[in-house]
N, C-alpha and C. Protein backbone atom coordinates (compact mmCIF):
# COMPACT_ATOMS: atom_id res chain seq x y z
N UNK A 1 0.85 -1.18 0.00
CA UNK A 1 0.00 0.00 0.00
C UNK A 1 0.89 1.24 0.00
N UNK A 2 0.61 2.17 -0.89
CA UNK A 2 1.39 3.41 -0.95
C UNK A 2 0.65 4.50 -0.19
N UNK A 3 1.43 5.36 0.43
CA UNK A 3 0.86 6.48 1.17
C UNK A 3 1.16 7.76 0.42
N UNK A 4 0.15 8.57 0.24
CA UNK A 4 0.36 9.88 -0.39
C UNK A 4 0.53 10.91 0.71
N UNK A 5 1.43 11.83 0.50
CA UNK A 5 1.59 12.93 1.45
C UNK A 5 0.47 13.93 1.25
N UNK A 6 0.12 14.58 2.34
CA UNK A 6 -0.94 15.58 2.27
C UNK A 6 -0.46 16.77 1.44
N UNK A 7 -1.32 17.28 0.57
CA UNK A 7 -1.00 18.45 -0.24
C UNK A 7 -1.19 19.74 0.54
N UNK A 8 -0.92 20.84 -0.11
CA UNK A 8 -0.99 22.14 0.55
C UNK A 8 -2.38 22.42 1.12
N UNK A 9 -3.42 22.19 0.31
CA UNK A 9 -4.76 22.53 0.80
C UNK A 9 -5.20 21.61 1.93
N UNK A 10 -4.81 20.35 1.90
CA UNK A 10 -5.20 19.46 3.00
C UNK A 10 -4.41 19.78 4.27
N UNK A 11 -3.17 20.26 4.14
CA UNK A 11 -2.39 20.67 5.31
C UNK A 11 -3.02 21.90 5.96
N UNK A 12 -3.49 22.82 5.13
CA UNK A 12 -4.17 24.00 5.66
C UNK A 12 -5.47 23.59 6.36
N UNK A 13 -6.19 22.66 5.76
CA UNK A 13 -7.43 22.14 6.35
C UNK A 13 -7.16 21.51 7.72
N UNK A 14 -6.14 20.68 7.80
CA UNK A 14 -5.79 20.02 9.06
C UNK A 14 -5.39 21.05 10.10
N UNK A 15 -4.60 22.05 9.71
CA UNK A 15 -4.17 23.10 10.63
C UNK A 15 -5.35 23.90 11.15
N UNK A 16 -6.29 24.21 10.27
CA UNK A 16 -7.47 24.97 10.67
C UNK A 16 -8.29 24.19 11.68
N UNK A 17 -8.39 22.89 11.49
CA UNK A 17 -9.20 22.06 12.38
C UNK A 17 -8.45 21.59 13.62
N UNK A 18 -7.20 21.98 13.77
CA UNK A 18 -6.43 21.62 14.96
C UNK A 18 -6.72 22.56 16.12
N UNK A 19 -7.42 23.64 15.84
CA UNK A 19 -7.76 24.62 16.88
C UNK A 19 -9.27 24.84 16.88
N UNK A 20 -9.81 25.30 18.01
CA UNK A 20 -11.25 25.59 18.04
C UNK A 20 -11.61 26.68 17.03
N UNK A 21 -12.73 26.52 16.36
CA UNK A 21 -13.17 27.52 15.37
C UNK A 21 -13.34 28.90 16.02
N UNK A 22 -13.67 28.93 17.31
CA UNK A 22 -13.86 30.21 17.99
C UNK A 22 -12.58 31.03 18.05
N UNK A 23 -11.43 30.38 17.90
CA UNK A 23 -10.15 31.11 17.92
C UNK A 23 -9.90 31.84 16.61
N UNK A 24 -10.51 31.38 15.54
CA UNK A 24 -10.28 31.98 14.22
C UNK A 24 -11.42 32.93 13.88
N UNK A 25 -11.40 34.09 14.51
CA UNK A 25 -12.44 35.09 14.32
C UNK A 25 -12.25 35.77 12.96
N UNK A 26 -13.34 35.87 12.23
CA UNK A 26 -13.29 36.52 10.91
C UNK A 26 -13.14 38.03 11.11
N UNK A 27 -12.07 38.57 10.56
CA UNK A 27 -11.79 40.00 10.66
C UNK A 27 -12.27 40.74 9.42
N UNK A 28 -12.09 40.13 8.28
CA UNK A 28 -12.52 40.75 7.03
C UNK A 28 -13.03 39.69 6.07
N UNK A 29 -13.69 40.13 5.03
CA UNK A 29 -14.19 39.21 4.00
C UNK A 29 -13.10 39.09 2.95
N UNK A 30 -12.70 37.87 2.66
CA UNK A 30 -11.58 37.69 1.72
C UNK A 30 -12.03 37.68 0.27
N UNK A 31 -13.30 37.50 0.03
CA UNK A 31 -13.74 37.42 -1.35
C UNK A 31 -13.42 36.06 -1.94
N UNK A 32 -13.47 35.99 -3.23
CA UNK A 32 -13.25 34.72 -3.92
C UNK A 32 -11.76 34.45 -4.07
N UNK A 33 -11.38 33.22 -3.84
CA UNK A 33 -10.00 32.79 -4.07
C UNK A 33 -9.95 32.30 -5.52
N UNK A 34 -9.20 33.01 -6.34
CA UNK A 34 -9.23 32.83 -7.80
C UNK A 34 -8.95 31.40 -8.26
N UNK A 35 -8.01 30.74 -7.64
CA UNK A 35 -7.62 29.41 -8.13
C UNK A 35 -8.15 28.26 -7.28
N UNK A 36 -9.25 28.51 -6.57
CA UNK A 36 -9.86 27.48 -5.74
C UNK A 36 -11.36 27.47 -6.00
N UNK A 37 -11.87 26.33 -6.41
CA UNK A 37 -13.29 26.19 -6.71
C UNK A 37 -14.10 26.24 -5.41
N UNK A 38 -15.22 26.96 -5.43
CA UNK A 38 -16.06 27.09 -4.24
C UNK A 38 -16.59 25.75 -3.75
N UNK A 39 -16.70 24.77 -4.63
CA UNK A 39 -17.21 23.46 -4.24
C UNK A 39 -16.12 22.55 -3.67
N UNK A 40 -14.88 23.02 -3.65
CA UNK A 40 -13.78 22.24 -3.10
C UNK A 40 -14.03 21.99 -1.61
N UNK A 41 -13.86 20.76 -1.13
CA UNK A 41 -14.13 20.47 0.28
C UNK A 41 -13.23 21.23 1.25
N UNK A 42 -12.11 21.76 0.78
CA UNK A 42 -11.19 22.51 1.63
C UNK A 42 -11.41 24.02 1.55
N UNK A 43 -12.29 24.47 0.69
CA UNK A 43 -12.47 25.91 0.43
C UNK A 43 -12.84 26.69 1.68
N UNK A 44 -13.75 26.17 2.49
CA UNK A 44 -14.17 26.90 3.69
C UNK A 44 -13.02 27.10 4.67
N UNK A 45 -12.21 26.08 4.87
CA UNK A 45 -11.07 26.19 5.79
C UNK A 45 -10.04 27.18 5.28
N UNK A 46 -9.77 27.14 3.99
CA UNK A 46 -8.80 28.06 3.40
C UNK A 46 -9.31 29.49 3.49
N UNK A 47 -10.58 29.70 3.17
CA UNK A 47 -11.18 31.04 3.27
C UNK A 47 -11.14 31.55 4.70
N UNK A 48 -11.41 30.67 5.67
CA UNK A 48 -11.39 31.07 7.08
C UNK A 48 -10.02 31.58 7.48
N UNK A 49 -8.95 30.97 6.99
CA UNK A 49 -7.62 31.45 7.34
C UNK A 49 -7.33 32.82 6.73
N UNK A 50 -7.86 33.09 5.54
CA UNK A 50 -7.70 34.43 4.97
C UNK A 50 -8.58 35.44 5.71
N UNK A 51 -9.81 35.06 6.04
CA UNK A 51 -10.73 35.98 6.72
C UNK A 51 -10.29 36.28 8.15
N UNK A 52 -9.61 35.35 8.79
CA UNK A 52 -9.11 35.60 10.14
C UNK A 52 -7.69 36.18 10.13
N UNK A 53 -7.17 36.42 8.95
CA UNK A 53 -5.85 37.03 8.71
C UNK A 53 -4.69 36.17 9.18
N UNK A 54 -4.89 34.86 9.21
CA UNK A 54 -3.75 33.96 9.43
C UNK A 54 -2.95 33.91 8.14
N UNK A 55 -3.64 33.77 7.01
CA UNK A 55 -3.03 33.88 5.69
C UNK A 55 -3.37 35.25 5.14
N UNK A 56 -2.43 35.83 4.40
CA UNK A 56 -2.66 37.17 3.85
C UNK A 56 -2.25 37.20 2.39
N UNK A 57 -2.88 38.11 1.67
CA UNK A 57 -2.54 38.30 0.27
C UNK A 57 -2.28 39.78 0.04
N UNK A 58 -1.26 40.09 -0.75
CA UNK A 58 -0.94 41.48 -1.03
C UNK A 58 -1.76 42.06 -2.18
N UNK A 59 -2.44 41.21 -2.90
CA UNK A 59 -3.22 41.69 -4.04
C UNK A 59 -4.71 41.51 -3.78
N UNK A 60 -5.52 42.20 -4.58
CA UNK A 60 -6.97 42.07 -4.45
C UNK A 60 -7.43 40.66 -4.80
N UNK A 61 -6.80 40.09 -5.81
CA UNK A 61 -7.16 38.74 -6.23
C UNK A 61 -6.27 37.75 -5.48
N UNK A 62 -6.91 36.87 -4.72
CA UNK A 62 -6.16 35.90 -3.93
C UNK A 62 -5.88 34.66 -4.78
N UNK A 63 -4.63 34.26 -4.83
CA UNK A 63 -4.23 33.02 -5.49
C UNK A 63 -3.57 32.13 -4.45
N UNK A 64 -4.25 31.08 -4.07
CA UNK A 64 -3.77 30.17 -3.03
C UNK A 64 -2.77 29.15 -3.55
N UNK A 65 -2.85 28.80 -4.82
CA UNK A 65 -2.02 27.77 -5.45
C UNK A 65 -2.17 26.44 -4.71
N UNK A 66 -3.39 25.87 -4.72
CA UNK A 66 -3.69 24.68 -3.93
C UNK A 66 -2.91 23.43 -4.31
N UNK A 67 -2.42 23.35 -5.53
CA UNK A 67 -1.70 22.16 -5.97
C UNK A 67 -0.19 22.24 -5.75
N UNK A 68 0.28 23.40 -5.29
CA UNK A 68 1.70 23.57 -5.00
C UNK A 68 2.05 22.88 -3.68
N UNK A 69 3.34 22.65 -3.50
CA UNK A 69 3.85 22.17 -2.22
C UNK A 69 3.92 23.36 -1.28
N UNK A 70 3.54 23.17 -0.04
CA UNK A 70 3.60 24.28 0.91
C UNK A 70 5.07 24.62 1.17
N UNK A 71 5.36 25.91 1.21
CA UNK A 71 6.73 26.36 1.46
C UNK A 71 6.95 26.54 2.96
N UNK A 72 8.19 26.62 3.34
CA UNK A 72 8.49 26.84 4.76
C UNK A 72 7.98 28.19 5.23
N UNK A 73 8.03 29.19 4.36
CA UNK A 73 7.52 30.51 4.71
C UNK A 73 6.02 30.45 4.96
N UNK A 74 5.28 29.76 4.07
CA UNK A 74 3.84 29.62 4.26
C UNK A 74 3.52 28.83 5.52
N UNK A 75 4.30 27.79 5.78
CA UNK A 75 4.09 27.00 7.00
C UNK A 75 4.32 27.85 8.24
N UNK A 76 5.40 28.63 8.22
CA UNK A 76 5.69 29.51 9.35
C UNK A 76 4.59 30.55 9.53
N UNK A 77 4.09 31.09 8.43
CA UNK A 77 3.00 32.07 8.48
C UNK A 77 1.77 31.46 9.16
N UNK A 78 1.44 30.23 8.82
CA UNK A 78 0.29 29.56 9.41
C UNK A 78 0.52 29.28 10.89
N UNK A 79 1.70 28.78 11.23
CA UNK A 79 2.00 28.47 12.63
C UNK A 79 1.94 29.73 13.49
N UNK A 80 2.58 30.80 13.03
CA UNK A 80 2.59 32.05 13.79
C UNK A 80 1.18 32.63 13.87
N UNK A 81 0.46 32.64 12.75
CA UNK A 81 -0.89 33.18 12.74
C UNK A 81 -1.83 32.44 13.66
N UNK A 82 -1.80 31.11 13.61
CA UNK A 82 -2.67 30.32 14.49
C UNK A 82 -2.25 30.48 15.94
N UNK A 83 -0.95 30.55 16.21
CA UNK A 83 -0.47 30.75 17.58
C UNK A 83 -0.99 32.06 18.15
N UNK A 84 -0.96 33.11 17.35
CA UNK A 84 -1.47 34.41 17.82
C UNK A 84 -2.96 34.36 18.08
N UNK A 85 -3.68 33.65 17.22
CA UNK A 85 -5.14 33.57 17.37
C UNK A 85 -5.54 32.74 18.59
N UNK A 86 -4.74 31.74 18.94
CA UNK A 86 -5.09 30.87 20.06
C UNK A 86 -4.51 31.34 21.39
N UNK A 87 -3.71 32.38 21.38
CA UNK A 87 -3.10 32.88 22.62
C UNK A 87 -4.13 33.17 23.71
N UNK A 88 -5.26 33.85 23.40
CA UNK A 88 -6.26 34.09 24.46
C UNK A 88 -6.81 32.80 25.05
N UNK A 89 -6.97 31.76 24.24
CA UNK A 89 -7.47 30.48 24.76
C UNK A 89 -6.48 29.88 25.75
N UNK A 90 -5.18 29.94 25.40
CA UNK A 90 -4.17 29.40 26.29
C UNK A 90 -4.00 30.27 27.54
N UNK A 91 -4.27 31.56 27.44
CA UNK A 91 -4.22 32.43 28.61
C UNK A 91 -5.27 32.02 29.62
N UNK A 92 -6.45 31.64 29.13
CA UNK A 92 -7.50 31.15 30.02
C UNK A 92 -7.07 29.85 30.70
N UNK A 93 -6.45 28.96 29.96
CA UNK A 93 -5.94 27.72 30.55
C UNK A 93 -4.88 28.01 31.60
N UNK A 94 -4.04 29.02 31.32
CA UNK A 94 -2.96 29.36 32.23
C UNK A 94 -3.51 29.82 33.58
N UNK A 95 -4.64 30.52 33.57
CA UNK A 95 -5.26 30.95 34.82
C UNK A 95 -5.64 29.76 35.69
N UNK A 96 -6.03 28.67 35.03
CA UNK A 96 -6.41 27.46 35.74
C UNK A 96 -5.20 26.67 36.24
N UNK A 97 -4.05 26.96 35.69
CA UNK A 97 -2.85 26.19 36.01
C UNK A 97 -2.11 26.81 37.19
N UNK A 98 -2.75 26.78 38.36
CA UNK A 98 -2.13 27.38 39.54
C UNK A 98 -1.30 26.37 40.34
N UNK A 99 -1.27 25.15 39.91
CA UNK A 99 -0.47 24.13 40.58
C UNK A 99 0.58 23.60 39.60
N UNK A 100 1.55 22.89 40.13
CA UNK A 100 2.58 22.29 39.28
C UNK A 100 1.93 21.33 38.28
N UNK A 101 0.97 20.56 38.75
CA UNK A 101 0.27 19.61 37.87
C UNK A 101 -0.44 20.35 36.74
N UNK A 102 -1.09 21.45 37.07
CA UNK A 102 -1.79 22.24 36.06
C UNK A 102 -0.83 22.84 35.04
N UNK A 103 0.32 23.31 35.52
CA UNK A 103 1.34 23.88 34.62
C UNK A 103 1.88 22.81 33.67
N UNK A 104 2.11 21.62 34.20
CA UNK A 104 2.60 20.54 33.35
C UNK A 104 1.57 20.15 32.30
N UNK A 105 0.31 20.15 32.68
CA UNK A 105 -0.76 19.84 31.73
C UNK A 105 -0.80 20.90 30.62
N UNK A 106 -0.72 22.17 31.01
CA UNK A 106 -0.73 23.25 30.03
C UNK A 106 0.47 23.13 29.09
N UNK A 107 1.64 22.85 29.65
CA UNK A 107 2.84 22.69 28.83
C UNK A 107 2.67 21.55 27.83
N UNK A 108 2.11 20.43 28.27
CA UNK A 108 1.96 19.29 27.36
C UNK A 108 0.95 19.59 26.26
N UNK A 109 -0.10 20.37 26.56
CA UNK A 109 -1.07 20.76 25.53
C UNK A 109 -0.40 21.65 24.49
N UNK A 110 0.34 22.65 24.95
CA UNK A 110 1.04 23.56 24.04
C UNK A 110 2.06 22.81 23.18
N UNK A 111 2.81 21.93 23.81
CA UNK A 111 3.82 21.16 23.09
C UNK A 111 3.17 20.28 22.02
N UNK A 112 2.09 19.62 22.38
CA UNK A 112 1.39 18.76 21.42
C UNK A 112 0.91 19.59 20.23
N UNK A 113 0.32 20.75 20.51
CA UNK A 113 -0.20 21.61 19.45
C UNK A 113 0.91 22.00 18.48
N UNK A 114 2.02 22.49 19.01
CA UNK A 114 3.11 22.95 18.15
C UNK A 114 3.75 21.81 17.37
N UNK A 115 4.00 20.69 18.01
CA UNK A 115 4.61 19.55 17.32
C UNK A 115 3.68 19.03 16.24
N UNK A 116 2.39 18.95 16.55
CA UNK A 116 1.41 18.46 15.58
C UNK A 116 1.39 19.35 14.33
N UNK A 117 1.29 20.64 14.53
CA UNK A 117 1.24 21.57 13.41
C UNK A 117 2.55 21.51 12.62
N UNK A 118 3.68 21.51 13.30
CA UNK A 118 4.96 21.45 12.60
C UNK A 118 5.10 20.18 11.77
N UNK A 119 4.71 19.06 12.31
CA UNK A 119 4.81 17.80 11.56
C UNK A 119 3.93 17.81 10.32
N UNK A 120 2.73 18.32 10.46
CA UNK A 120 1.80 18.36 9.33
C UNK A 120 2.33 19.29 8.24
N UNK A 121 2.75 20.48 8.64
CA UNK A 121 3.11 21.49 7.65
C UNK A 121 4.49 21.29 7.03
N UNK A 122 5.40 20.71 7.74
CA UNK A 122 6.77 20.66 7.25
C UNK A 122 7.21 19.28 6.77
N UNK A 123 6.26 18.43 6.43
CA UNK A 123 6.61 17.11 5.89
C UNK A 123 7.43 17.30 4.62
N UNK A 124 8.44 16.47 4.48
CA UNK A 124 9.26 16.50 3.26
C UNK A 124 8.49 15.83 2.13
N UNK A 125 8.60 16.34 0.93
CA UNK A 125 7.92 15.76 -0.24
C UNK A 125 8.93 15.08 -1.13
C-alpha cells in the first residue's frame, strides 16, 4: 500500500481544524479565491484562514495555489498566525494552572499543538 503525502490545501485544512473555530475570528471578508473552486471540500477552511488574517494576500485577487507544495515561509506564516489567534485560549488555561500539575498539563497541551502543526506542515515531499 502506498501512502500519499498531504497536499498544501489538505495541510491548511488540518491546521485549521487543529484549533477551536472560535479562535479563528473573521476580521474581514476575503472574497473569492481565484484558483480554488467554491465546491472544493477545503475551500471553507482556506477562506477562514484568509478571513481571520492567518493567511494574507498582497493583491486584491487571492491566489492560493492549492496544488503547490507548501513552502516553509507559508508553513511559518500559518504556525505564527494560528499561535497568535489561540493565545487568548491558552491564557484562560494558564489561569487554571495554579499548581505544578496544572502547569505541566498546560505545557503538554502547548507542546502537542506545536509539534502536531509542525509535523503536518513541514513534511518532506
